[in-house]
Amino acid sequence: MAKSQSILTFDGQDDYVELPIASVPEGKEITVSFWAKGGSTQPKNNSIFYAGSVSRADARIINIHLPWGSTVYWDCGFPDGSAFNRIEKSPQAADLKGTWVHWAFTFDANTGKMTICRNGELWQTGSGQKRTIAKVGSVQIGKGYGAYSGSMSDVRVWRRALEPAEIKATMSTRLTGKEKDLVSYWPLDEGKGKKIIDQTGHGHDGTIKGGAKWETATDLTLAPASAQGSASSNDAQSPPSALKFANTKSPSDYVIVKPFAPSPTHAFTVEFWLKVNKNGRDAGVPFALSSPNRANEFVIFNCKKIEIYIHDSHHQRGSASFKKGQWQHCAATWESQTGQIHLYIDGQSLFDPVLAKGLALDETTAVVLGQDPDSYGGSFDVNQAFQGQMKEVRIWNYVRTPEEITAQMDKCCTGKEDGLVGYWPLDEGEGATVQDKTGNGNHGELHGVTWGTADDLALKPVPKPKRSTPASGALRFPKLSLPVHRPHFTQPALAVDVEHGRPEDLVSIRIDLLHGANYNDPAAFGTVSG
């Protein structure tokens, strides 16, 4: 017997789902996909997925007619709706009524390509479509130019134009919600209530309007997502996100973390990956620390013949340079007691001046990516503005050894490493904020920079924690709070084994009973608080 699952059914009259405007990304690429089974009144003019303009709700930014007349239309539009990209094709009657069909609609303004995939196969394509996706003012499932009649399941929105092979690999499998470039994901499996939950964690939950109702289907089978991710892991297949700094005519592109506190005062290590544009300016500044007392608390100045500034007036130029057109890892260390600085490129020490010996830096600074500050986190000069890409920015509160730098430079961090006080992977891929993954809350603001991909940079993901198996007879307590109190005894011994991993991992405690202790007397062993 086929396993039934929840689906959401629309009557074609007044049923729809209202979604947050952030459900649809701005920019140059998108993929919208879903399973649909047309109702008995199909074909009927409708919009099954729609996003309207900020200025006019009836001006389409995103629109999918399934169908209009006897034709399937895929539209991406301008803010005022006066013009839009479009491709269309007439389907078979069975595609519109009584049969589950998987549809995926992609758009890429970089290439001008639009596609429609039917059941994982390329069904229609168009070229020369260059209009970008503007900010939307409304988003609906099941309504736009007319209301949809039929059932839906597993609605997904990506900020990337997926390839047909990627679409086919995942269309029959639920996602985890953590896949790379996935902006919104509504499985539509709630089965009850007036909300549909976005499984990405982005909070794009929808509200059911009208009389759309939950039903069960036995003629649609979607495999559950595996614990390790979906059948086709986008984390492995997609290039990682990175920030792009143009800075062509003005110092407009930068990231600022202000304030950054506590900022290391007597020793630090700064690390990041960068790729200087092939025509990027030689005097570009990728990284700077600025404080209320000193504009140049620490600066890596110039991409050619790199110069180090620290404590404002202490500086020295070396002969090392960043290569253009390729990713390189940069690390810089400083220690106050000796004044020793080391500049590493791709793990090799290329510059080691002694500067600012015995001095201390401010404990409150601003982190600036892409500009040279002439005041506390501001007053930039276009002639010193960085042109290129950056990723994986880290600040440690101690001097890392060459071995530590080399061992970790091509691996992502968890954010919980000892001594890591600032960590910005720059992997968000969208939005105007970059997150500090250390938990210190020093998040960064984006100004002018755009999101791109680091196609030729291979970084190893954070390894998944290994779970140990508790000893036989072990007691298991979720989210245990130590300490363990032992009042007056010397026997038996108490051993505590803590599994390292995520917060929801269990903590196991093993009590070793030695030398004939009274096994039935809890007081003999102390108490566990938690």
Protein backbone atom coordinates (compact mmCIF):
# COMPACT_ATOMS: atom_id res chain seq x y z
CA MET A 1 0.00 0.00 0.00
CA ALA A 2 1.37 3.41 -0.96
CA LYS A 3 2.30 5.72 1.88
CA SER A 4 0.09 8.80 2.09
CA GLN A 5 1.45 12.29 2.69
CA SER A 6 0.00 15.72 3.23
CA ILE A 7 -0.57 18.09 0.32
CA LEU A 8 -2.23 21.50 0.04
CA THR A 9 -5.24 21.87 -2.28
CA PHE A 10 -6.55 25.13 -3.78
CA ASP A 11 -10.12 25.59 -5.08
CA GLY A 12 -9.29 28.05 -7.87
CA GLN A 13 -11.53 30.73 -6.33
CA ASP A 14 -10.07 32.48 -3.29
CA ASP A 15 -7.47 30.06 -1.92
CA TYR A 16 -3.82 31.06 -1.75
CA VAL A 17 -0.80 31.35 0.57
CA GLU A 18 0.65 34.75 1.49
CA LEU A 19 4.46 34.71 1.81
CA PRO A 20 7.04 37.20 3.14
CA ILE A 21 8.65 39.38 0.47
CA ALA A 22 12.08 38.02 1.48
CA SER A 23 10.95 34.63 0.13
CA VAL A 24 12.07 35.71 -3.34
CA PRO A 25 15.67 36.91 -3.81
CA GLU A 26 16.67 40.02 -5.71
CA GLY A 27 19.42 39.72 -8.28
CA LYS A 28 20.30 37.87 -11.42
CA GLU A 29 19.39 34.23 -10.76
CA ILE A 30 16.50 32.18 -9.42
CA THR A 31 14.95 28.73 -9.53
CA VAL A 32 11.34 28.07 -8.48
CA SER A 33 10.21 24.44 -8.35
CA PHE A 34 7.24 22.43 -7.05
CA TRP A 35 5.00 19.42 -7.58
CA ALA A 36 1.52 20.21 -8.94
CA LYS A 37 -1.58 18.22 -9.80
CA GLY A 38 -4.27 20.20 -11.60
CA GLY A 39 -7.87 20.00 -10.43
CA SER A 40 -10.96 19.07 -12.38
CA THR A 41 -11.55 22.61 -13.69
CA GLN A 42 -8.18 22.80 -15.45
CA PRO A 43 -7.08 24.19 -17.82
CA LYS A 44 -8.04 27.48 -16.17
CA ASN A 45 -6.27 30.84 -16.37
CA ASN A 46 -4.15 31.22 -13.23
CA SER A 47 -0.86 32.12 -11.60
CA ILE A 48 0.45 29.29 -9.43
CA PHE A 49 3.40 31.32 -8.11
CA TYR A 50 3.51 35.11 -8.19
CA ALA A 51 5.61 38.01 -6.88
CA GLY A 52 4.44 41.56 -7.51
CA SER A 53 6.31 44.85 -7.70
CA VAL A 54 6.86 47.17 -4.74
CA SER A 55 5.10 49.99 -6.58
CA ARG A 56 2.24 47.96 -8.10
CA ALA A 57 0.91 44.65 -6.84
CA ASP A 58 -0.35 43.80 -10.35
CA ALA A 59 3.07 44.38 -11.95
CA ARG A 60 4.80 41.03 -12.13
CA ILE A 61 8.36 40.48 -10.99
CA ILE A 62 7.91 36.69 -10.89
CA ASN A 63 4.95 34.95 -12.50
CA ILE A 64 4.18 31.35 -13.47
CA HIS A 65 1.00 30.69 -15.44
CA LEU A 66 0.04 26.99 -15.19
CA PRO A 67 -1.61 27.65 -17.61
CA TRP A 68 -2.95 30.78 -19.26
CA GLY A 69 -5.16 29.70 -22.09
CA SER A 70 -3.48 26.48 -23.14
CA THR A 71 0.08 27.68 -22.53
CA VAL A 72 2.54 27.55 -19.63
CA TYR A 73 4.29 30.93 -19.17
CA TRP A 74 7.40 31.74 -17.14
CA ASP A 75 7.94 35.48 -16.51
CA CYS A 76 10.62 37.54 -14.70
CA GLY A 77 9.96 41.27 -14.79
CA PHE A 78 10.92 44.88 -14.29
CA PRO A 79 9.80 46.80 -11.16
CA ASP A 80 6.94 48.58 -12.94
CA GLY A 81 5.82 45.49 -14.85
CA SER A 82 6.10 47.28 -18.19
CA ALA A 83 8.49 44.70 -19.58
CA PHE A 84 9.64 41.28 -18.49
CA ASN A 85 11.58 38.23 -19.58
CA ARG A 86 9.34 35.43 -20.85
CA ILE A 87 9.38 31.95 -22.29
CA GLU A 88 6.34 29.76 -22.91
CA LYS A 89 5.21 26.40 -24.28
CA SER A 90 1.95 24.51 -24.72
CA PRO A 91 1.82 21.30 -22.64
CA GLN A 92 -0.10 18.06 -23.03
CA ALA A 93 -3.53 18.04 -21.41
CA ALA A 94 -2.37 15.45 -18.85
CA ASP A 95 0.32 17.85 -17.62
CA LEU A 96 -2.36 20.24 -16.39
CA LYS A 97 -5.01 18.00 -14.84
CA GLY A 98 -5.18 14.81 -12.79
CA THR A 99 -1.46 13.90 -12.79
CA TRP A 100 1.39 14.90 -10.51
CA VAL A 101 4.06 16.76 -12.49
CA HIS A 102 7.27 18.30 -11.21
CA TRP A 103 7.92 21.78 -12.61
CA ALA A 104 11.09 23.85 -12.27
CA PHE A 105 11.58 27.35 -13.66
CA THR A 106 15.08 28.86 -13.85
CA PHE A 107 16.47 32.24 -14.86
CA ASP A 108 20.04 33.54 -15.18
CA ALA A 109 20.54 37.17 -16.26
CA ASN A 110 24.30 36.59 -16.50
CA THR A 111 23.77 34.30 -19.48
CA GLY A 112 20.31 35.53 -20.51
CA LYS A 113 19.00 31.97 -20.24
CA MET A 114 15.56 30.92 -19.01
CA THR A 115 14.41 27.31 -18.76
CA ILE A 116 11.39 25.23 -17.83
CA CYS A 117 12.02 21.66 -16.69
CA ARG A 118 9.24 19.09 -16.61
CA ASN A 119 9.83 16.01 -14.42
CA GLY A 120 13.54 16.75 -14.34
CA GLU A 121 13.96 17.07 -18.10
CA LEU A 122 14.62 20.27 -20.03
CA TRP A 123 11.24 21.12 -21.58
CA GLN A 124 11.67 24.69 -22.85
CA THR A 125 14.50 27.21 -23.02
CA GLY A 126 15.01 30.81 -24.10
CA SER A 127 17.95 33.17 -24.54
CA GLY A 128 18.65 36.90 -24.50
CA GLN A 129 16.67 37.44 -21.30
CA LYS A 130 18.73 40.02 -19.37
CA ARG A 131 16.27 41.87 -17.11
CA THR A 132 17.26 41.35 -13.47
CA ILE A 133 14.96 40.49 -10.57
CA ALA A 134 13.98 43.60 -8.62
CA LYS A 135 12.84 43.74 -5.01
CA VAL A 136 9.30 42.42 -4.70
CA GLY A 137 6.38 43.86 -2.77
CA SER A 138 4.18 40.76 -2.48
CA VAL A 139 4.53 36.99 -2.89
CA GLN A 140 1.78 34.36 -3.22
CA ILE A 141 1.41 30.68 -3.92
CA GLY A 142 -1.79 29.83 -5.80
CA LYS A 143 -2.78 33.34 -6.84
CA GLY A 144 -1.70 36.26 -9.01
CA TYR A 145 -3.43 36.77 -12.35
CA GLY A 146 -6.16 34.29 -11.47
CA ALA A 147 -6.31 31.58 -8.80
CA TYR A 148 -4.89 28.07 -9.21
CA SER A 149 -7.13 25.02 -9.01
CA GLY A 150 -5.32 21.87 -7.88
CA SER A 151 -2.87 20.47 -5.35
CA MET A 152 0.75 21.30 -4.59
CA SER A 153 3.69 19.88 -2.68
CA ASP A 154 7.34 20.67 -1.98
CA VAL A 155 7.77 24.29 -3.12
CA ARG A 156 11.37 25.54 -3.33
CA VAL A 157 13.05 28.84 -4.19
CA TRP A 158 16.79 29.02 -4.90
CA ARG A 159 18.99 32.04 -5.55
CA ARG A 160 20.74 30.14 -8.34
CA ALA A 161 19.71 28.79 -11.72
CA LEU A 162 19.91 25.04 -11.16
CA GLU A 163 20.92 22.70 -13.94
CA PRO A 164 18.42 20.05 -15.12
CA ALA A 165 20.59 17.29 -13.64
CA GLU A 166 20.48 18.95 -10.20
CA ILE A 167 16.72 19.37 -10.43
CA LYS A 168 16.18 15.76 -11.40
CA ALA A 169 18.48 14.45 -8.66
CA THR A 170 16.46 16.08 -5.85
CA MET A 171 12.92 16.42 -7.16
CA SER A 172 11.70 13.16 -5.59
CA THR A 173 13.52 13.65 -2.28
CA ARG A 174 12.74 16.01 0.56
CA LEU A 175 15.46 18.53 1.40
CA THR A 176 16.98 19.22 4.79
CA GLY A 177 16.54 22.97 4.34
CA LYS A 178 20.27 23.58 4.79
CA GLU A 179 21.25 23.17 1.15
CA LYS A 180 23.51 25.78 -0.39
CA ASP A 181 21.66 28.64 -2.16
CA LEU A 182 18.24 27.50 -0.91
CA VAL A 183 16.33 30.67 0.01
CA SER A 184 12.90 29.24 0.87
CA TYR A 185 11.55 25.71 1.25
CA TRP A 186 7.96 24.75 2.03
CA PRO A 187 7.39 20.96 1.94
CA LEU A 188 3.64 21.58 2.53
CA ASP A 189 3.55 18.56 4.83
CA GLU A 190 2.04 20.19 7.94
CA GLY A 191 -1.32 18.47 7.41
CA LYS A 192 -3.21 21.00 9.53
CA GLY A 193 -3.29 24.62 10.57
CA LYS A 194 -3.07 27.94 8.75
CA LYS A 195 0.72 28.19 8.45
CA ILE A 196 3.26 26.65 6.11
CA ILE A 197 6.74 26.50 7.60
CA ASP A 198 9.90 27.48 5.76
CA GLN A 199 12.41 24.72 6.53
CA THR A 200 15.51 26.78 5.66
CA GLY A 201 15.50 28.57 8.99
CA HIS A 202 15.15 31.93 7.22
CA GLY A 203 11.70 32.46 8.70
CA HIS A 204 9.82 32.70 5.40
CA ASP A 205 6.70 31.06 6.82
CA GLY A 206 3.47 31.49 4.88
CA THR A 207 -0.14 32.14 5.91
CA ILE A 208 -2.95 30.18 4.27
CA LYS A 209 -5.80 32.38 3.02
CA GLY A 210 -9.30 31.47 1.87
CA GLY A 211 -10.28 27.84 2.17
CA ALA A 212 -7.15 26.06 0.97
CA LYS A 213 -7.25 22.69 2.69
CA TRP A 214 -4.94 19.94 3.74
CA GLU A 215 -5.45 16.57 2.07
CA THR A 216 -3.48 13.35 1.75
CA ALA A 217 -2.08 11.85 -1.43
CA THR A 218 -1.08 8.26 -2.12
CA ASP A 219 -0.08 8.89 -5.74
CA LEU A 220 2.93 11.10 -4.91
CA THR A 221 5.96 9.64 -3.15
CA LEU A 222 8.80 11.82 -1.90
CA ALA A 223 11.68 10.15 -0.09
CA PRO A 224 12.67 11.71 3.25
CA ALA A 225 15.83 13.78 3.47
CA SER A 226 18.79 11.85 4.82
CA ALA A 227 20.51 12.94 8.02
CA GLN A 228 23.53 13.95 5.95
CA GLY A 229 21.54 16.07 3.54
CA SER A 230 19.48 15.61 0.41
CA ALA A 231 20.16 13.08 -2.30
CA SER A 232 22.13 15.65 -4.25
CA SER A 233 24.01 17.74 -1.73
CA ASN A 234 24.21 21.30 -2.97
CA ASP A 235 26.83 21.93 -0.31
CA ALA A 236 29.12 19.67 -2.29
CA GLN A 237 28.00 20.62 -5.80
CA SER A 238 27.67 24.39 -5.56
CA PRO A 239 30.64 26.74 -5.48
CA PRO A 240 30.89 28.60 -2.17
CA SER A 241 29.66 32.16 -1.84
CA ALA A 242 32.14 35.05 -1.66
CA LEU A 243 32.00 38.84 -1.53
CA LYS A 244 32.91 40.93 -4.58
CA PHE A 245 34.44 44.40 -4.26
CA ALA A 246 34.18 46.53 -7.43
CA ASN A 247 35.33 49.97 -6.20
CA THR A 248 35.71 51.28 -9.75
CA LYS A 249 35.05 55.02 -9.49
CA SER A 250 34.48 55.60 -5.78
CA PRO A 251 35.31 53.87 -2.47
CA SER A 252 31.78 52.48 -2.32
CA ASP A 253 32.36 48.79 -1.63
CA TYR A 254 33.33 47.60 1.82
CA VAL A 255 32.32 45.56 4.87
CA ILE A 256 32.46 47.09 8.34
CA VAL A 257 32.19 45.52 11.78
CA LYS A 258 31.81 48.46 14.16
CA PRO A 259 32.47 48.05 16.98
CA PHE A 260 34.53 44.89 17.08
CA ALA A 261 34.99 44.05 20.75
CA PRO A 262 36.88 42.72 22.51
CA SER A 263 39.61 43.26 19.95
CA PRO A 264 42.99 41.63 20.72
CA THR A 265 45.40 44.09 22.36
CA HIS A 266 48.76 42.31 22.74
CA ALA A 267 48.76 39.46 20.22
CA PHE A 268 46.66 38.40 17.25
CA THR A 269 46.41 36.45 14.03
CA VAL A 270 44.35 37.72 11.09
CA GLU A 271 43.47 35.36 8.23
CA PHE A 272 41.43 35.54 5.04
CA TRP A 273 41.22 34.29 1.47
CA LEU A 274 41.34 36.88 -1.30
CA LYS A 275 41.39 37.00 -5.06
CA VAL A 276 42.65 40.27 -6.54
CA ASN A 277 40.95 41.09 -9.84
CA LYS A 278 43.14 40.67 -12.91
CA ASN A 279 43.00 44.44 -13.37
CA GLY A 280 42.70 45.23 -9.66
CA ARG A 281 44.58 48.27 -8.41
CA ASP A 282 47.98 47.65 -6.86
CA ALA A 283 47.31 49.95 -3.90
CA GLY A 284 44.10 48.19 -2.81
CA VAL A 285 43.68 47.51 0.92
CA PRO A 286 41.92 44.21 1.73
CA PHE A 287 41.96 44.37 5.55
CA ALA A 288 42.16 47.02 8.27
CA LEU A 289 41.55 47.47 11.98
CA SER A 290 40.65 51.02 12.98
CA SER A 291 40.09 52.43 16.48
CA PRO A 292 38.78 55.67 18.00
CA ASN A 293 42.37 56.59 18.91
CA ARG A 294 44.13 55.42 15.75
CA ALA A 295 42.68 55.20 12.24
CA ASN A 296 45.31 52.61 11.26
CA GLU A 297 45.40 50.29 14.26
CA PHE A 298 46.45 47.49 11.90
CA VAL A 299 46.40 47.60 8.09
CA ILE A 300 47.52 45.25 5.34
CA PHE A 301 48.28 47.97 2.81
CA ASN A 302 48.78 47.43 -0.95
CA CYS A 303 48.32 44.29 -3.01
CA LYS A 304 51.69 44.84 -4.67
CA LYS A 305 54.72 45.14 -2.36
CA ILE A 306 52.60 44.69 0.72
CA GLU A 307 53.11 47.18 3.54
CA ILE A 308 52.11 46.60 7.18
CA TYR A 309 50.83 49.43 9.38
CA ILE A 310 50.33 48.93 13.13
CA HIS A 311 49.59 51.37 15.95
CA ASP A 312 49.17 54.07 13.30
CA SER A 313 52.73 55.28 12.68
CA HIS A 314 54.67 52.02 12.76
CA HIS A 315 54.95 50.57 9.27
CA GLN A 316 57.26 48.77 6.89
CA ARG A 317 57.05 47.69 3.25
CA GLY A 318 58.17 44.30 2.01
CA SER A 319 58.65 42.74 -1.41
CA ALA A 320 55.78 40.23 -1.20
CA SER A 321 52.73 40.75 -3.45
CA PHE A 322 49.38 39.08 -3.98
CA LYS A 323 48.97 37.41 -7.36
CA LYS A 324 46.15 38.66 -9.54
CA GLY A 325 43.36 36.49 -10.83
CA GLN A 326 43.77 33.62 -8.36
CA TRP A 327 42.74 32.78 -4.81
CA GLN A 328 45.42 33.10 -2.13
CA HIS A 329 45.39 32.68 1.62
CA CYS A 330 46.79 35.54 3.70
CA ALA A 331 47.66 35.38 7.40
CA ALA A 332 49.34 38.04 9.52
CA THR A 333 50.50 37.69 13.13
CA TRP A 334 51.79 40.20 15.69
CA GLU A 335 52.98 39.93 19.28
CA SER A 336 53.56 43.00 21.47
CA GLN A 337 56.34 41.65 23.70
CA THR A 338 58.75 41.21 20.80
CA GLY A 339 57.02 43.34 18.15
CA GLN A 340 57.41 40.41 15.77
CA ILE A 341 55.15 40.38 12.72
CA HIS A 342 54.85 37.54 10.22
CA LEU A 343 53.01 37.80 6.91
CA TYR A 344 52.11 34.45 5.36
CA ILE A 345 50.82 33.89 1.84
CA ASP A 346 49.56 30.37 1.15
CA GLY A 347 51.25 29.22 4.35
CA GLN A 348 54.70 30.62 3.54
CA SER A 349 56.27 33.37 5.69
CA LEU A 350 57.28 36.11 3.23
CA PHE A 351 57.70 39.18 5.42
CA ASP A 352 58.72 39.45 9.11
CA PRO A 353 59.36 43.00 10.35
CA VAL A 354 59.51 44.04 14.01
CA LEU A 355 57.02 46.83 14.72
CA ALA A 356 55.28 48.43 17.74
CA LYS A 357 57.30 46.47 20.30
CA GLY A 358 55.83 46.75 23.79
CA LEU A 359 52.77 48.69 22.68
CA ALA A 360 49.12 47.75 23.12
CA LEU A 361 46.26 48.09 20.68
CA ASP A 362 42.78 49.33 21.56
CA GLU A 363 40.32 46.71 22.78
CA THR A 364 37.54 48.35 20.76
CA THR A 365 38.12 48.60 17.02
CA ALA A 366 36.31 48.49 13.70
CA VAL A 367 37.07 45.74 11.20
CA VAL A 368 37.07 47.13 7.65
CA LEU A 369 37.27 44.89 4.58
CA GLY A 370 38.13 46.48 1.25
CA GLN A 371 39.14 50.01 2.31
CA ASP A 372 41.87 51.99 4.07
CA PRO A 373 40.27 54.04 6.89
CA ASP A 374 41.61 57.53 7.60
CA SER A 375 39.28 57.89 10.58
CA TYR A 376 37.54 55.44 12.92
CA GLY A 377 36.03 53.07 10.35
CA GLY A 378 35.64 55.75 7.65
CA SER A 379 37.15 58.44 5.38
CA PHE A 380 38.08 56.14 2.50
CA ASP A 381 40.10 56.90 -0.65
CA VAL A 382 39.17 55.25 -3.95
CA ASN A 383 42.85 55.00 -4.88
CA GLN A 384 43.32 52.59 -1.97
CA ALA A 385 40.07 50.64 -2.44
CA PHE A 386 40.40 46.88 -2.91
CA GLN A 387 39.16 45.28 -6.14
CA GLY A 388 38.53 41.55 -5.98
CA GLN A 389 36.86 38.90 -3.85
CA MET A 390 37.19 37.83 -0.22
CA LYS A 391 36.15 34.88 1.92
CA GLU A 392 36.77 33.21 5.32
CA VAL A 393 37.90 36.14 7.49
CA ARG A 394 39.19 35.13 10.93
CA ILE A 395 40.71 36.96 13.90
CA TRP A 396 42.45 35.07 16.73
CA ASN A 397 43.66 36.49 20.04
CA TYR A 398 47.05 34.80 19.91
CA VAL A 399 49.91 34.18 17.50
CA ARG A 400 49.17 31.10 15.43
CA THR A 401 52.10 28.92 14.45
CA PRO A 402 52.91 28.28 10.78
CA GLU A 403 51.77 24.69 11.29
CA GLU A 404 48.41 25.79 12.71
CA ILE A 405 47.88 28.24 9.87
CA THR A 406 48.72 25.70 7.18
CA ALA A 407 46.64 22.93 8.75
CA GLN A 408 43.47 25.04 8.97
CA MET A 409 43.65 27.46 6.07
CA ASP A 410 41.69 25.31 3.59
CA LYS A 411 39.13 24.17 6.16
CA CYS A 412 36.08 25.98 7.46
CA CYS A 413 35.85 26.61 11.20
CA THR A 414 33.01 25.87 13.61
CA GLY A 415 33.37 29.25 15.31
CA LYS A 416 34.01 27.55 18.65
CA GLU A 417 37.77 27.10 18.30
CA ASP A 418 39.90 28.28 21.24
CA GLY A 419 41.16 31.82 20.72
CA LEU A 420 38.92 32.55 17.72
CA VAL A 421 37.34 35.93 18.53
CA GLY A 422 35.97 36.91 15.12
CA TYR A 423 34.90 34.62 12.27
CA TRP A 424 33.07 35.72 9.13
CA PRO A 425 32.90 32.90 6.54
CA LEU A 426 31.13 35.29 4.09
CA ASP A 427 28.94 32.39 2.99
CA GLU A 428 25.49 33.97 3.33
CA GLY A 429 25.14 34.48 -0.43
CA GLU A 430 22.47 37.16 0.02
CA GLY A 431 21.48 40.05 2.24
CA ALA A 432 23.29 43.05 3.69
CA THR A 433 24.77 41.44 6.81
CA VAL A 434 27.58 38.95 7.41
CA GLN A 435 27.42 36.84 10.54
CA ASP A 436 30.14 36.45 13.15
CA LYS A 437 30.06 32.70 13.78
CA THR A 438 31.98 32.86 17.07
CA GLY A 439 28.88 33.78 19.03
CA ASN A 440 30.39 37.13 20.05
CA GLY A 441 27.81 38.99 17.99
CA ASN A 442 30.24 41.12 15.98
CA HIS A 443 28.22 41.00 12.77
CA GLY A 444 29.25 43.03 9.74
CA GLU A 445 27.38 45.46 7.50
CA LEU A 446 27.75 45.33 3.70
CA HIS A 447 28.09 48.54 1.72
CA GLY A 448 28.16 48.34 -2.08
CA VAL A 449 29.67 44.85 -2.23
CA THR A 450 27.81 42.12 -4.10
CA TRP A 451 27.55 38.39 -3.63
CA GLY A 452 29.33 36.09 -6.03
CA THR A 453 30.76 32.59 -6.03
CA ALA A 454 34.26 31.30 -5.40
CA ASP A 455 34.17 28.81 -8.25
CA ASP A 456 37.87 27.96 -8.07
CA LEU A 457 38.29 27.89 -4.28
CA ALA A 458 37.90 24.50 -2.62
CA LEU A 459 37.37 24.69 1.14
CA LYS A 460 36.68 21.65 3.24
CA PRO A 461 33.46 21.89 5.27
CA VAL A 462 33.31 21.66 9.04
CA PRO A 463 33.54 17.94 9.90
CA LYS A 464 30.44 16.45 11.44
CA PRO A 465 30.92 15.49 15.10
CA LYS A 466 31.44 11.83 15.80
CA ARG A 467 29.06 10.41 18.36
CA SER A 468 30.49 7.95 20.82
CA THR A 469 28.52 5.04 22.15
CA PRO A 470 28.14 5.14 25.94
CA ALA A 471 29.41 2.19 27.94
CA SER A 472 26.94 -0.52 28.77
CA GLY A 473 24.62 0.59 31.54
CA ALA A 474 25.46 4.27 31.10
CA LEU A 475 22.89 6.84 32.12
CA ARG A 476 22.09 9.39 29.40
CA PHE A 477 20.95 12.92 30.18
CA PRO A 478 20.03 15.45 27.46
CA LYS A 479 21.67 18.87 27.80
CA LEU A 480 23.27 18.02 31.14
CA SER A 481 24.45 20.83 33.39
CA LEU A 482 27.48 19.90 35.48
CA PRO A 483 29.01 19.84 38.13
CA VAL A 484 28.73 16.47 39.82
CA HIS A 485 28.90 16.65 43.62
CA ARG A 486 30.72 13.98 45.64
CA PRO A 487 30.20 14.60 49.34
CA HIS A 488 32.44 12.54 51.59
CA PHE A 489 33.35 9.29 49.96
CA THR A 490 36.53 8.07 48.35
CA GLN A 491 34.86 5.12 46.69
CA PRO A 492 33.38 4.48 44.23
CA ALA A 493 35.02 6.54 41.52
CA LEU A 494 32.95 8.71 39.20
CA ALA A 495 33.90 9.07 35.56
CA VAL A 496 32.25 11.64 33.30
CA ASP A 497 32.39 11.21 29.52
CA VAL A 498 31.19 14.23 27.54
CA GLU A 499 30.42 13.74 23.88
CA HIS A 500 31.70 16.70 21.90
CA GLY A 501 29.28 17.91 19.28
CA ARG A 502 26.21 20.01 18.77
CA PRO A 503 24.16 21.36 21.71
CA GLU A 504 21.49 18.75 21.19
CA ASP A 505 24.01 15.92 21.55
CA LEU A 506 23.52 13.87 24.68
CA VAL A 507 25.98 13.79 27.52
CA SER A 508 26.71 10.37 28.92
CA ILE A 509 27.75 9.63 32.49
CA ARG A 510 29.24 6.32 33.53
CA ILE A 511 29.41 5.43 37.23
CA ASP A 512 32.12 2.89 37.96
CA LEU A 513 31.20 0.98 41.10
CA LEU A 514 34.27 -0.16 42.93
CA HIS A 515 35.14 -2.21 45.98
CA GLY A 516 31.73 -3.28 47.15
CA ALA A 517 29.97 0.09 47.44
CA ASN A 518 26.28 0.08 48.31
CA TYR A 519 24.78 0.09 44.80
CA ASN A 520 21.30 0.90 46.10
CA ASP A 521 22.27 3.96 48.13
CA PRO A 522 22.16 7.08 45.89
CA ALA A 523 23.72 9.17 48.65
CA ALA A 524 26.91 7.16 48.34
CA PHE A 525 27.50 8.59 44.87
CA GLY A 526 26.66 12.25 45.33
CA THR A 527 24.15 14.13 43.19
CA VAL A 528 24.01 15.21 39.58
CA SER A 529 22.64 18.71 39.02
CA GLY A 530 21.16 19.46 35.62
